[in-house]
Amino acid sequence: MDIIRIICAIFLPPLGVFLQVGIGVDFWINILLTLLGYIPGIVHAIWVIARK
């Protein structure tokens, strides 16, 4: 299941985070990072998925 989340995180980083933790602080941080730059959003999403 983590592979699917990582693939989602590459194409839509907030979706990958949402699938892992739901709507919470990490989700909103990821939306902000994705809006500021696509690559930081991807890095954060993969980090959130990998740490849990």
C-alpha atoms as a PDB file:
ATOM      1  CA  MET A   1       0.000   0.000   0.000  1.00  0.00           C
ATOM      2  CA  ASP A   2       2.931   2.369   0.586  1.00  0.00           C
ATOM      3  CA  ILE A   3       3.885   2.066  -3.077  1.00  0.00           C
ATOM      4  CA  ILE A   4       0.482   3.426  -4.107  1.00  0.00           C
ATOM      5  CA  ARG A   5       0.823   6.299  -1.635  1.00  0.00           C
ATOM      6  CA  ILE A   6       4.300   7.154  -2.936  1.00  0.00           C
ATOM      7  CA  ILE A   7       3.053   7.140  -6.537  1.00  0.00           C
ATOM      8  CA  CYS A   8       0.192   9.443  -5.501  1.00  0.00           C
ATOM      9  CA  ALA A   9       2.711  11.650  -3.679  1.00  0.00           C
ATOM     10  CA  ILE A  10       4.759  12.069  -6.847  1.00  0.00           C
ATOM     11  CA  PHE A  11       1.803  13.199  -8.954  1.00  0.00           C
ATOM     12  CA  LEU A  12      -0.308  14.940  -6.258  1.00  0.00           C
ATOM     13  CA  PRO A  13       1.668  15.366  -3.014  1.00  0.00           C
ATOM     14  CA  PRO A  14      -1.304  16.397  -0.830  1.00  0.00           C
ATOM     15  CA  LEU A  15      -3.200  13.275  -1.920  1.00  0.00           C
ATOM     16  CA  GLY A  16      -0.361  11.032  -0.762  1.00  0.00           C
ATOM     17  CA  VAL A  17      -0.276  12.773   2.614  1.00  0.00           C
ATOM     18  CA  PHE A  18      -4.065  12.639   2.910  1.00  0.00           C
ATOM     19  CA  LEU A  19      -4.073   8.886   2.278  1.00  0.00           C
ATOM     20  CA  GLN A  20      -1.446   8.431   5.002  1.00  0.00           C
ATOM     21  CA  VAL A  21      -2.589  10.755   7.796  1.00  0.00           C
ATOM     22  CA  GLY A  22      -5.913  12.299   6.768  1.00  0.00           C
ATOM     23  CA  ILE A  23      -6.670  15.983   7.168  1.00  0.00           C
ATOM     24  CA  GLY A  24      -4.330  17.299   9.807  1.00  0.00           C
ATOM     25  CA  VAL A  25      -1.298  19.492  10.295  1.00  0.00           C
ATOM     26  CA  ASP A  26       0.879  17.469   7.907  1.00  0.00           C
ATOM     27  CA  PHE A  27      -1.767  17.752   5.191  1.00  0.00           C
ATOM     28  CA  TRP A  28      -1.971  21.541   5.444  1.00  0.00           C
ATOM     29  CA  ILE A  29       1.822  21.887   5.601  1.00  0.00           C
ATOM     30  CA  ASN A  30       2.050  19.807   2.446  1.00  0.00           C
ATOM     31  CA  ILE A  31      -0.505  21.949   0.619  1.00  0.00           C
ATOM     32  CA  LEU A  32       1.489  25.047   1.549  1.00  0.00           C
ATOM     33  CA  LEU A  33       4.773  23.487   0.424  1.00  0.00           C
ATOM     34  CA  THR A  34       3.206  22.297  -2.824  1.00  0.00           C
ATOM     35  CA  LEU A  35       1.907  25.782  -3.553  1.00  0.00           C
ATOM     36  CA  LEU A  36       5.320  27.296  -2.833  1.00  0.00           C
ATOM     37  CA  GLY A  37       7.097  24.737  -4.978  1.00  0.00           C
ATOM     38  CA  TYR A  38       6.185  21.350  -6.357  1.00  0.00           C
ATOM     39  CA  ILE A  39       9.454  19.622  -5.347  1.00  0.00           C
ATOM     40  CA  PRO A  40       9.259  20.578  -1.635  1.00  0.00           C
ATOM     41  CA  GLY A  41       5.716  19.190  -1.589  1.00  0.00           C
ATOM     42  CA  ILE A  42       6.905  15.879  -3.030  1.00  0.00           C
ATOM     43  CA  VAL A  43       9.810  15.631  -0.577  1.00  0.00           C
ATOM     44  CA  HIS A  44       7.547  16.345   2.386  1.00  0.00           C
ATOM     45  CA  ALA A  45       4.919  13.872   1.200  1.00  0.00           C
ATOM     46  CA  ILE A  46       7.445  11.058   0.782  1.00  0.00           C
ATOM     47  CA  TRP A  47       8.930  11.888   4.177  1.00  0.00           C
ATOM     48  CA  VAL A  48       5.491  11.709   5.837  1.00  0.00           C
ATOM     49  CA  ILE A  49       4.734   8.387   4.141  1.00  0.00           C
ATOM     50  CA  ALA A  50       8.138   6.889   4.994  1.00  0.00           C
ATOM     51  CA  ARG A  51       8.158   7.857   8.679  1.00  0.00           C
ATOM     52  CA  LYS A  52       4.878   6.116   9.559  1.00  0.00           C
END
